[in-house]
Amino acid sequence: MKRIRPFLYVLASACVLMTGCVSNPATGGKSVGVGGLDGEKKTVQKNHQEIVKALGLYDDQATQEYVNIVGQRVAQMSELPNEEWKFFVIDDEAINAFTTGCCNVYVNRGLLVNLNSESELAGVLGHEVGHVTARHPSRRQARGVAASLGAMAAAILTGSNAVGQLANIGAQAWMSGYGRENEMEADQLGMKYMVKAGYNPESIGKVFDMFKSGEKFERQRAAAEGREPRLYHGVFSSHPSPDQRAVLAAKGAANVKETPDGGWIVRHDEYLTTLNGIAYGSSKAQGIVRDNRFYHADMGITMAFPRGWTIDNLRDRLLAFTPKKDSIMQVLVDKKPEKQAPREFLMTKLRGASVMKGEPLTVDGNDGYSIITRSGSPIDNGLGPVRWAVVYRGESAFIFAGASRSAMNGIPEADGVLMASISTLRSLRASEFPLAEPYRIKVVKATDKTNLSDYASDMPEDKFKRETLELINAMYPNRKPKPGELFKIVE
């Protein structure tokens, strides 16, 4: 969780209004755009600043450089080798990659964790390069997500978001696919580029298999938990794995008649060695959730939520909610105003709302203020009350919003639980700073006695620990690493 900045950020491909047509060297079809690539580049650079503010780049230079090197190698094989290509690792555990146009490509840290060779990474980056050369981003409208405090407050106050949307597990501004035709076109171009760069085109099939295994597991897990599956809708999710004909076609497009001298580049061991130590789940910059408690080393704070609640650690806020989603709490962080007391600060944020039961608040020796608005709860279609509170700590203002079903006295039914959770915000003790360190990937070598189940207990997931470990190693279901093979565990 980081400080909130009042802006609207864009995660999807930048849209450029189009006039005039030129031939596209990548696809042979028409390519359109204001000012050609120059107009697209300006929009891309503007969007980059918003993306960095909203999502953040992964704070590890070695990882950033490695991904950039692989991306450059693939991009140089495209129809735009002289453009200034840039490849970035986003500090996000979601499995995703996207591009905003010429010539920025982004890959999430979570996707890197789920890949198992440099060749697979080259396939993913080649796919995004293919979107750029085919000018798919320039044809597509950008999709924005309100990340500011004001927008989130408005969602609660007006009841415009159902609780299922507001407390969506893994809520992300996903980059959804471009449509089957464009995705297939990007597949073909990406495979051509990776082949020309010397990477084994069959590796892209392993990427597809990774997504399909994840979908299969999610369906099984959802059935066991009695809910609808939360399926991925981004890169590679909407079409089948390439068969041998597609691989041969990619080789043909790259004018490769036989295996190159020295063989195809795969680099499984080199990739895993590079990945060793990468954050798994939330990073240190985002804060760490362990059991029912949140820890943030940089901010020096910790906070507890009721046991049994789901804690969703998003980039810009914390969301915590009950299994039935009938109680929810949101935590945001803003800059503390210089000349406003907590009451004035909160009343300014809630200007225009009908309020009651305001009272001063002291949490861990810090001043605050709490109030209830008569309406705004997403659980009661905007008609029920919301518990609001702000606590000043150092230069920060922690803003809480909690809602549940309405009680007879006009306050949230779970108000006591919400207030108790707010009261747990405190400074980290010296002994707790290690708990604010993220889980990390560790690469180990298998022996003839190795069984993934022996390492599953260290996985931070509440359930399905072994299955999750199998998934990140492309060994789902029930496969074992071969003796001498490197594989990933989590510590």
Protein backbone atom coordinates (compact mmCIF):
# COMPACT_ATOMS: atom_id res chain seq x y z
CA MET A 1 0.00 0.00 0.00
CA LYS A 2 1.39 3.39 -0.88
CA ARG A 3 0.42 7.02 -0.53
CA ILE A 4 -2.53 7.99 -2.66
CA ARG A 5 -2.13 10.56 -5.39
CA PRO A 6 -5.25 12.19 -6.84
CA PHE A 7 -5.03 11.10 -10.44
CA LEU A 8 -6.71 8.83 -12.91
CA TYR A 9 -4.33 6.25 -14.30
CA VAL A 10 -4.43 4.35 -17.53
CA LEU A 11 -3.45 0.72 -17.79
CA ALA A 12 -4.72 -0.28 -21.17
CA SER A 13 -3.40 0.55 -24.61
CA ALA A 14 -3.36 4.23 -25.47
CA CYS A 15 -5.94 5.32 -28.01
CA VAL A 16 -4.93 7.65 -30.81
CA LEU A 17 -7.66 9.22 -32.99
CA MET A 18 -6.91 8.16 -36.50
CA THR A 19 -6.85 9.97 -39.81
CA GLY A 20 -5.08 8.78 -42.91
CA CYS A 21 -3.70 5.38 -43.78
CA VAL A 22 -0.32 3.84 -44.51
CA SER A 23 0.74 0.29 -45.19
CA ASN A 24 1.81 -1.69 -42.13
CA PRO A 25 5.12 -3.50 -42.77
CA ALA A 26 4.37 -6.09 -40.09
CA THR A 27 0.93 -7.16 -41.27
CA GLY A 28 0.72 -5.88 -44.83
CA GLY A 29 -2.60 -4.25 -44.01
CA LYS A 30 -3.59 -0.66 -43.45
CA SER A 31 -2.16 1.19 -40.48
CA VAL A 32 -3.66 4.43 -39.30
CA GLY A 33 -2.77 7.07 -36.74
CA VAL A 34 -2.40 10.77 -36.16
CA GLY A 35 1.18 11.76 -36.89
CA GLY A 36 2.06 8.09 -37.40
CA LEU A 37 4.25 6.62 -34.68
CA ASP A 38 5.28 10.07 -33.43
CA GLY A 39 1.77 10.83 -32.21
CA GLU A 40 1.55 7.41 -30.57
CA LYS A 41 4.91 7.87 -28.83
CA LYS A 42 3.80 11.10 -27.14
CA THR A 43 0.73 9.39 -25.73
CA VAL A 44 2.77 6.38 -24.66
CA GLN A 45 5.25 8.53 -22.73
CA LYS A 46 2.46 10.42 -21.01
CA ASN A 47 0.78 7.18 -20.01
CA HIS A 48 4.07 5.76 -18.73
CA GLN A 49 4.23 8.37 -15.99
CA GLU A 50 0.71 7.48 -14.87
CA ILE A 51 1.46 3.74 -14.93
CA VAL A 52 4.58 4.18 -12.81
CA LYS A 53 2.66 6.32 -10.30
CA ALA A 54 -0.23 3.89 -10.13
CA LEU A 55 1.47 0.51 -10.16
CA GLY A 56 5.14 1.17 -9.54
CA LEU A 57 8.17 -0.52 -11.05
CA TYR A 58 9.74 -3.48 -9.31
CA ASP A 59 12.66 -2.17 -7.28
CA ASP A 60 15.35 -4.55 -8.48
CA GLN A 61 17.69 -3.26 -11.16
CA ALA A 62 19.08 -6.68 -12.08
CA THR A 63 15.59 -8.00 -12.88
CA GLN A 64 14.72 -4.88 -14.85
CA GLU A 65 17.92 -5.12 -16.88
CA TYR A 66 17.49 -8.82 -17.59
CA VAL A 67 13.97 -8.40 -18.95
CA ASN A 68 15.08 -5.40 -21.00
CA ILE A 69 17.95 -7.36 -22.56
CA VAL A 70 15.65 -10.20 -23.61
CA GLY A 71 13.07 -7.73 -24.91
CA GLN A 72 15.62 -5.79 -26.93
CA ARG A 73 16.86 -8.99 -28.52
CA VAL A 74 13.36 -9.85 -29.69
CA ALA A 75 12.38 -6.31 -30.71
CA GLN A 76 15.45 -6.00 -32.93
CA MET A 77 13.97 -8.77 -35.06
CA SER A 78 10.73 -6.82 -35.63
CA GLU A 79 9.83 -4.38 -38.39
CA LEU A 80 10.72 -1.52 -36.04
CA PRO A 81 14.31 -2.32 -35.02
CA ASN A 82 15.42 1.31 -34.90
CA GLU A 83 12.74 2.51 -32.50
CA GLU A 84 13.54 3.13 -28.83
CA TRP A 85 12.09 0.02 -27.24
CA LYS A 86 11.71 -0.05 -23.46
CA PHE A 87 10.75 -3.03 -21.32
CA PHE A 88 9.64 -2.63 -17.71
CA VAL A 89 8.82 -4.97 -14.82
CA ILE A 90 5.72 -3.81 -12.95
CA ASP A 91 5.63 -4.47 -9.20
CA ASP A 92 2.45 -6.52 -9.30
CA GLU A 93 1.84 -10.17 -8.46
CA ALA A 94 -0.85 -10.58 -11.12
CA ILE A 95 -0.03 -12.75 -14.14
CA ASN A 96 -0.09 -10.21 -16.93
CA ALA A 97 1.83 -8.31 -19.62
CA PHE A 98 0.71 -5.39 -21.75
CA THR A 99 1.82 -2.60 -24.05
CA THR A 100 0.60 0.95 -24.45
CA GLY A 101 2.05 1.29 -27.94
CA CYS A 102 5.36 2.27 -29.49
CA CYS A 103 7.46 1.32 -27.89
CA ASN A 104 6.86 0.49 -24.22
CA VAL A 105 6.19 -3.04 -23.01
CA TYR A 106 5.32 -3.98 -19.44
CA VAL A 107 5.47 -7.37 -17.74
CA ASN A 108 4.21 -8.00 -14.22
CA ARG A 109 6.48 -9.49 -11.60
CA GLY A 110 3.85 -12.18 -11.04
CA LEU A 111 4.14 -13.36 -14.63
CA LEU A 112 7.91 -13.70 -14.30
CA VAL A 113 7.39 -15.94 -11.27
CA ASN A 114 5.15 -18.23 -13.31
CA LEU A 115 7.48 -18.57 -16.31
CA ASN A 116 10.26 -21.14 -16.36
CA SER A 117 12.71 -20.21 -19.10
CA GLU A 118 14.16 -17.24 -20.94
CA SER A 119 12.60 -18.59 -24.11
CA GLU A 120 9.14 -18.40 -22.53
CA LEU A 121 9.83 -14.79 -21.52
CA ALA A 122 10.96 -14.03 -25.08
CA GLY A 123 7.66 -15.43 -26.34
CA VAL A 124 5.63 -13.20 -24.03
CA LEU A 125 7.64 -10.09 -24.92
CA GLY A 126 7.50 -10.99 -28.61
CA HIS A 127 3.71 -11.20 -28.38
CA GLU A 128 3.57 -7.65 -26.98
CA VAL A 129 6.04 -6.40 -29.58
CA GLY A 130 3.70 -7.92 -32.16
CA HIS A 131 0.82 -5.85 -30.81
CA VAL A 132 2.94 -2.73 -31.28
CA THR A 133 4.13 -3.51 -34.82
CA ALA A 134 0.59 -4.45 -35.85
CA ARG A 135 -0.55 -1.09 -34.41
CA HIS A 136 -3.21 -2.71 -32.23
CA PRO A 137 -2.82 -0.18 -29.38
CA SER A 138 -3.41 2.76 -31.68
CA ARG A 139 -6.77 1.31 -32.66
CA ARG A 140 -7.98 0.69 -29.19
CA GLN A 141 -9.52 3.02 -26.67
CA ALA A 142 -7.72 3.43 -23.37
CA ARG A 143 -9.47 2.20 -20.27
CA GLY A 144 -9.01 4.18 -17.07
CA VAL A 145 -9.41 3.19 -13.46
CA ALA A 146 -10.07 5.69 -10.67
CA ALA A 147 -7.27 5.27 -8.17
CA SER A 148 -7.66 8.48 -6.22
CA LEU A 149 -9.07 8.77 -2.74
CA GLY A 150 -11.90 10.93 -4.02
CA ALA A 151 -13.00 8.37 -6.57
CA MET A 152 -12.98 5.52 -4.07
CA ALA A 153 -14.82 7.64 -1.52
CA ALA A 154 -17.43 8.51 -4.11
CA ALA A 155 -17.93 4.83 -4.91
CA ILE A 156 -18.74 4.07 -1.28
CA LEU A 157 -20.76 7.21 -0.63
CA THR A 158 -22.98 6.78 -3.68
CA GLY A 159 -23.21 3.02 -3.52
CA SER A 160 -22.31 2.93 -7.20
CA ASN A 161 -20.18 -0.19 -6.75
CA ALA A 162 -21.62 -3.47 -5.57
CA VAL A 163 -19.59 -5.07 -2.82
CA GLY A 164 -18.57 -7.83 -5.19
CA GLN A 165 -16.89 -5.19 -7.35
CA LEU A 166 -15.49 -3.12 -4.52
CA ALA A 167 -14.03 -6.14 -2.74
CA ASN A 168 -13.03 -8.08 -5.80
CA ILE A 169 -10.26 -10.48 -4.84
CA GLY A 170 -7.16 -9.53 -6.75
CA ALA A 171 -8.93 -6.42 -8.04
CA GLN A 172 -6.73 -5.12 -10.82
CA ALA A 173 -7.06 -2.88 -13.82
CA TRP A 174 -6.46 -5.89 -16.06
CA MET A 175 -5.29 -5.50 -19.57
CA SER A 176 -7.91 -7.58 -21.31
CA GLY A 177 -7.29 -9.10 -24.71
CA TYR A 178 -7.61 -7.26 -27.98
CA GLY A 179 -10.00 -9.76 -29.46
CA ARG A 180 -9.21 -13.12 -30.99
CA GLU A 181 -8.12 -11.81 -34.40
CA ASN A 182 -5.62 -9.31 -32.99
CA GLU A 183 -4.32 -11.77 -30.40
CA MET A 184 -3.71 -14.41 -33.04
CA GLU A 185 -1.94 -11.82 -35.18
CA ALA A 186 0.28 -10.86 -32.24
CA ASP A 187 0.96 -14.57 -31.63
CA GLN A 188 2.18 -15.06 -35.18
CA LEU A 189 4.33 -11.95 -35.19
CA GLY A 190 5.75 -12.68 -31.74
CA MET A 191 6.67 -16.22 -32.69
CA LYS A 192 8.37 -14.94 -35.84
CA TYR A 193 10.43 -12.44 -33.85
CA MET A 194 11.49 -14.94 -31.19
CA VAL A 195 12.53 -17.48 -33.81
CA LYS A 196 14.62 -14.89 -35.64
CA ALA A 197 16.23 -14.06 -32.29
CA GLY A 198 17.14 -17.74 -31.87
CA TYR A 199 14.56 -18.72 -29.24
CA ASN A 200 12.75 -22.03 -29.46
CA PRO A 201 9.22 -21.29 -30.74
CA GLU A 202 7.89 -24.38 -28.98
CA SER A 203 8.46 -22.58 -25.66
CA ILE A 204 5.47 -20.36 -26.30
CA GLY A 205 3.32 -23.47 -26.04
CA LYS A 206 4.53 -23.84 -22.46
CA VAL A 207 3.26 -20.32 -21.73
CA PHE A 208 -0.17 -21.26 -23.05
CA ASP A 209 -0.06 -24.45 -21.01
CA MET A 210 0.75 -22.43 -17.90
CA PHE A 211 -2.38 -20.31 -18.36
CA LYS A 212 -4.53 -23.33 -19.14
CA SER A 213 -3.28 -25.20 -16.06
CA GLY A 214 -4.05 -22.14 -13.98
CA GLU A 215 -7.57 -21.99 -15.39
CA LYS A 216 -8.12 -25.69 -14.73
CA PHE A 217 -6.97 -25.33 -11.15
CA GLU A 218 -9.08 -22.22 -10.58
CA ARG A 219 -12.21 -24.01 -11.81
CA GLN A 220 -11.53 -26.94 -9.48
CA ARG A 221 -10.83 -24.62 -6.56
CA ALA A 222 -13.93 -22.54 -7.21
CA ALA A 223 -16.07 -25.68 -7.29
CA ALA A 224 -14.57 -26.82 -3.97
CA GLU A 225 -15.23 -23.39 -2.42
CA GLY A 226 -18.73 -23.05 -3.85
CA ARG A 227 -18.11 -19.90 -5.89
CA GLU A 228 -17.71 -18.75 -9.48
CA PRO A 229 -14.18 -19.14 -10.90
CA ARG A 230 -12.11 -15.99 -11.26
CA LEU A 231 -10.61 -16.56 -14.67
CA TYR A 232 -7.84 -14.56 -16.28
CA HIS A 233 -8.75 -12.48 -19.33
CA GLY A 234 -5.44 -11.14 -20.52
CA VAL A 235 -2.60 -12.16 -22.81
CA PHE A 236 -2.78 -15.73 -24.18
CA SER A 237 -6.03 -16.52 -22.37
CA SER A 238 -8.50 -16.51 -25.25
CA HIS A 239 -7.14 -19.04 -27.69
CA PRO A 240 -5.62 -22.52 -27.76
CA SER A 241 -1.94 -23.41 -27.56
CA PRO A 242 -0.17 -23.31 -30.92
CA ASP A 243 0.10 -26.70 -32.53
CA GLN A 244 3.02 -27.96 -34.59
CA ARG A 245 1.65 -26.28 -37.72
CA ALA A 246 1.85 -22.87 -36.03
CA VAL A 247 5.41 -23.56 -34.91
CA LEU A 248 6.39 -24.56 -38.45
CA ALA A 249 4.68 -21.46 -39.81
CA ALA A 250 6.69 -19.29 -37.42
CA LYS A 251 9.91 -20.93 -38.54
CA GLY A 252 8.90 -20.38 -42.15
CA ALA A 253 8.09 -16.73 -41.56
CA ALA A 254 11.53 -16.30 -40.03
CA ASN A 255 13.16 -18.19 -42.93
CA VAL A 256 14.48 -20.87 -40.60
CA LYS A 257 14.86 -24.16 -42.42
CA GLU A 258 16.50 -26.15 -39.64
CA THR A 259 17.71 -25.90 -36.08
CA PRO A 260 20.28 -23.07 -35.86
CA ASP A 261 23.93 -23.77 -35.09
CA GLY A 262 24.26 -24.29 -31.38
CA GLY A 263 20.58 -25.21 -31.04
CA TRP A 264 17.58 -23.17 -29.99
CA ILE A 265 17.88 -20.85 -27.03
CA VAL A 266 15.82 -22.02 -24.04
CA ARG A 267 17.86 -21.13 -20.91
CA HIS A 268 15.79 -22.73 -18.19
CA ASP A 269 18.53 -22.76 -15.56
CA GLU A 270 19.79 -19.28 -16.41
CA TYR A 271 16.27 -17.88 -16.14
CA LEU A 272 15.57 -19.47 -12.76
CA THR A 273 18.96 -18.34 -11.45
CA THR A 274 18.12 -14.77 -12.46
CA LEU A 275 14.72 -15.12 -10.78
CA ASN A 276 16.26 -16.29 -7.52
CA GLY A 277 15.26 -13.87 -4.74
CA ILE A 278 12.41 -12.14 -6.58
CA ALA A 279 9.46 -11.18 -4.37
CA TYR A 280 6.56 -13.63 -4.29
CA GLY A 281 3.12 -12.16 -3.65
CA SER A 282 3.30 -8.62 -2.30
CA SER A 283 6.63 -6.79 -2.36
CA LYS A 284 8.21 -4.84 0.47
CA ALA A 285 7.06 -1.58 -1.13
CA GLN A 286 3.46 -2.78 -1.07
CA GLY A 287 3.46 -4.16 2.46
CA ILE A 288 3.02 -7.76 3.53
CA VAL A 289 -0.06 -9.63 4.72
CA ARG A 290 0.61 -12.50 7.13
CA ASP A 291 -2.39 -14.31 8.53
CA ASN A 292 -4.78 -11.52 9.59
CA ARG A 293 -2.17 -8.78 9.99
CA PHE A 294 -0.67 -6.22 7.60
CA TYR A 295 2.95 -5.07 7.94
CA HIS A 296 4.67 -2.19 6.16
CA ALA A 297 8.37 -1.62 6.92
CA ASP A 298 8.81 1.70 5.09
CA MET A 299 5.82 3.21 6.88
CA GLY A 300 6.75 1.42 10.09
CA ILE A 301 3.19 0.30 10.81
CA THR A 302 1.11 -2.81 11.33
CA MET A 303 -2.64 -3.38 11.56
CA ALA A 304 -4.83 -6.39 12.30
CA PHE A 305 -8.12 -7.43 10.73
CA PRO A 306 -10.69 -9.93 12.04
CA ARG A 307 -9.68 -13.56 11.63
CA GLY A 308 -11.41 -15.23 8.73
CA TRP A 309 -11.60 -12.02 6.68
CA THR A 310 -9.93 -11.85 3.30
CA ILE A 311 -7.27 -9.12 3.15
CA ASP A 312 -6.70 -7.88 -0.38
CA ASN A 313 -3.49 -5.84 -0.55
CA LEU A 314 -3.89 -3.64 -3.62
CA ARG A 315 -1.34 -1.18 -4.85
CA ASP A 316 -3.24 1.87 -3.61
CA ARG A 317 -5.36 0.53 -0.75
CA LEU A 318 -6.21 -2.37 1.53
CA LEU A 319 -9.56 -4.10 1.24
CA ALA A 320 -10.71 -6.54 3.91
CA PHE A 321 -14.02 -8.39 3.85
CA THR A 322 -15.91 -11.34 5.28
CA PRO A 323 -16.34 -14.63 3.40
CA LYS A 324 -19.96 -13.69 2.66
CA LYS A 325 -18.91 -10.14 1.70
CA ASP A 326 -21.47 -8.71 4.11
CA SER A 327 -18.87 -6.60 5.92
CA ILE A 328 -16.05 -4.66 4.29
CA MET A 329 -13.30 -2.26 5.28
CA GLN A 330 -11.09 -0.10 3.10
CA VAL A 331 -7.84 1.62 4.17
CA LEU A 332 -6.26 4.46 2.21
CA VAL A 333 -3.28 6.70 2.94
CA ASP A 334 -3.13 10.39 2.11
CA LYS A 335 -0.76 13.19 3.01
CA LYS A 336 -1.59 14.82 6.34
CA PRO A 337 -2.69 18.43 5.80
CA GLU A 338 -0.59 21.08 7.50
CA LYS A 339 -3.38 23.12 9.08
CA GLN A 340 -6.38 20.80 9.36
CA ALA A 341 -7.29 18.86 12.47
CA PRO A 342 -8.55 15.29 11.91
CA ARG A 343 -12.21 16.35 12.23
CA GLU A 344 -11.90 19.11 9.62
CA PHE A 345 -9.93 16.82 7.32
CA LEU A 346 -12.59 14.12 7.44
CA MET A 347 -15.50 16.53 7.11
CA THR A 348 -13.84 18.07 4.06
CA LYS A 349 -13.55 14.63 2.46
CA LEU A 350 -17.19 13.87 3.24
CA ARG A 351 -18.58 17.27 2.34
CA GLY A 352 -22.24 17.02 1.38
CA ALA A 353 -22.84 13.73 3.19
CA SER A 354 -25.36 13.43 6.01
CA VAL A 355 -23.34 12.57 9.11
CA MET A 356 -23.93 11.55 12.72
CA LYS A 357 -22.08 10.28 15.81
CA GLY A 358 -18.80 12.14 15.30
CA GLU A 359 -16.19 11.74 18.02
CA PRO A 360 -12.44 12.24 18.58
CA LEU A 361 -10.25 9.16 18.30
CA THR A 362 -6.86 8.22 19.71
CA VAL A 363 -5.02 5.26 18.21
CA ASP A 364 -1.55 4.26 19.45
CA GLY A 365 -1.15 7.76 20.84
CA ASN A 366 -2.09 9.43 17.56
CA ASP A 367 -4.97 11.84 17.06
CA GLY A 368 -7.89 10.98 14.86
CA TYR A 369 -11.60 11.42 14.33
CA SER A 370 -14.44 9.03 13.55
CA ILE A 371 -17.87 9.63 12.10
CA ILE A 372 -20.78 7.75 10.55
CA THR A 373 -22.49 8.78 7.32
CA ARG A 374 -26.16 7.88 7.11
CA SER A 375 -25.77 6.44 3.62
CA GLY A 376 -23.20 5.26 1.13
CA SER A 377 -22.82 1.57 1.96
CA PRO A 378 -22.28 -0.58 -1.14
CA ILE A 379 -23.88 -3.47 0.75
CA ASP A 380 -27.24 -1.71 1.02
CA ASN A 381 -27.29 -0.18 -2.47
CA GLY A 382 -26.01 3.09 -1.09
CA LEU A 383 -28.74 3.41 1.54
CA GLY A 384 -26.93 2.00 4.56
CA PRO A 385 -24.43 3.75 6.90
CA VAL A 386 -20.64 3.84 6.56
CA ARG A 387 -18.15 4.15 9.42
CA TRP A 388 -15.40 6.64 8.51
CA ALA A 389 -12.26 7.42 10.48
CA VAL A 390 -8.96 9.21 9.98
CA VAL A 391 -5.82 8.77 12.07
CA TYR A 392 -2.79 11.06 11.76
CA ARG A 393 0.61 9.34 11.94
CA GLY A 394 3.73 11.36 11.16
CA GLU A 395 3.16 12.96 7.76
CA SER A 396 0.38 10.56 6.78
CA ALA A 397 -3.37 10.47 7.21
CA PHE A 398 -4.79 6.94 7.37
CA ILE A 399 -8.40 6.95 6.15
CA PHE A 400 -10.74 4.07 7.01
CA ALA A 401 -14.16 3.30 5.54
CA GLY A 402 -16.19 0.35 6.84
CA ALA A 403 -19.63 -0.94 6.03
CA SER A 404 -21.88 -3.87 6.81
CA ARG A 405 -25.59 -4.48 6.99
CA SER A 406 -27.40 -1.72 8.83
CA ALA A 407 -28.38 -2.24 12.47
CA MET A 408 -31.59 -0.94 14.05
CA ASN A 409 -29.84 2.10 15.54
CA GLY A 410 -28.65 3.34 12.14
CA ILE A 411 -25.03 2.27 12.44
CA PRO A 412 -23.25 -0.57 10.62
CA GLU A 413 -24.11 -3.91 12.20
CA ALA A 414 -20.42 -4.78 12.48
CA ASP A 415 -19.44 -1.34 13.77
CA GLY A 416 -17.79 -2.73 16.90
CA VAL A 417 -15.61 -5.02 14.80
CA LEU A 418 -14.72 -2.20 12.44
CA MET A 419 -13.72 0.14 15.25
CA ALA A 420 -11.73 -2.60 16.95
CA SER A 421 -9.77 -3.18 13.75
CA ILE A 422 -9.04 0.55 13.36
CA SER A 423 -7.71 0.61 16.92
CA THR A 424 -5.02 -1.97 16.06
CA LEU A 425 -3.05 0.45 13.85
CA ARG A 426 0.31 0.89 15.58
CA SER A 427 4.06 1.19 15.09
CA LEU A 428 6.09 -1.87 14.22
CA ARG A 429 8.11 -3.33 17.04
CA ALA A 430 11.79 -4.04 16.37
CA SER A 431 11.07 -7.77 16.43
CA GLU A 432 8.35 -7.37 13.77
CA PHE A 433 10.41 -5.79 10.99
CA PRO A 434 11.40 -9.23 9.62
CA LEU A 435 7.68 -9.95 9.22
CA ALA A 436 7.47 -6.96 6.85
CA GLU A 437 9.94 -8.62 4.49
CA PRO A 438 8.30 -10.28 1.47
CA TYR A 439 8.21 -13.94 0.67
CA ARG A 440 10.80 -14.67 -2.00
CA ILE A 441 11.50 -17.24 -4.67
CA LYS A 442 14.42 -19.54 -3.92
CA VAL A 443 15.85 -21.82 -6.59
CA VAL A 444 17.01 -25.28 -5.52
CA LYS A 445 18.22 -28.43 -7.29
CA ALA A 446 16.20 -31.62 -7.18
CA THR A 447 17.55 -34.98 -6.09
CA ASP A 448 16.12 -38.44 -6.62
CA LYS A 449 14.28 -38.02 -3.32
CA THR A 450 12.79 -34.57 -4.01
CA ASN A 451 9.04 -34.16 -3.68
CA LEU A 452 7.35 -30.78 -4.06
CA SER A 453 5.05 -31.62 -1.15
CA ASP A 454 8.07 -31.36 1.16
CA TYR A 455 8.27 -27.62 0.36
CA ALA A 456 4.56 -26.84 0.19
CA SER A 457 4.18 -25.92 3.87
CA ASP A 458 6.26 -22.77 3.35
CA MET A 459 3.84 -21.39 0.75
CA PRO A 460 1.96 -18.32 2.09
CA GLU A 461 -1.37 -19.39 0.62
CA ASP A 462 -4.07 -20.39 3.11
CA LYS A 463 -5.10 -23.40 1.04
CA PHE A 464 -3.89 -25.46 -1.91
CA LYS A 465 -0.23 -24.88 -1.08
CA ARG A 466 1.09 -27.87 -3.03
CA GLU A 467 -1.00 -27.09 -6.09
CA THR A 468 0.23 -23.49 -6.15
CA LEU A 469 3.84 -24.64 -5.90
CA GLU A 470 3.24 -27.07 -8.76
CA LEU A 471 1.73 -24.30 -10.87
CA ILE A 472 4.69 -21.92 -10.61
CA ASN A 473 6.99 -24.79 -11.60
CA ALA A 474 4.85 -25.98 -14.56
CA MET A 475 4.35 -29.29 -12.73
CA TYR A 476 0.61 -29.21 -12.15
CA PRO A 477 -0.90 -31.65 -11.45
CA ASN A 478 1.20 -34.07 -9.41
CA ARG A 479 4.45 -33.92 -11.37
CA LYS A 480 7.86 -34.15 -9.72
CA PRO A 481 11.11 -32.39 -10.65
CA LYS A 482 13.72 -34.63 -12.24
CA PRO A 483 16.98 -35.28 -10.36
CA GLY A 484 19.42 -32.44 -11.10
CA GLU A 485 16.65 -30.12 -12.31
CA LEU A 486 16.36 -26.61 -10.86
CA PHE A 487 12.97 -25.62 -9.50
CA LYS A 488 11.38 -22.83 -7.46
CA ILE A 489 10.31 -22.84 -3.84
CA VAL A 490 9.06 -19.97 -1.67
CA GLU A 491 10.64 -18.79 1.56
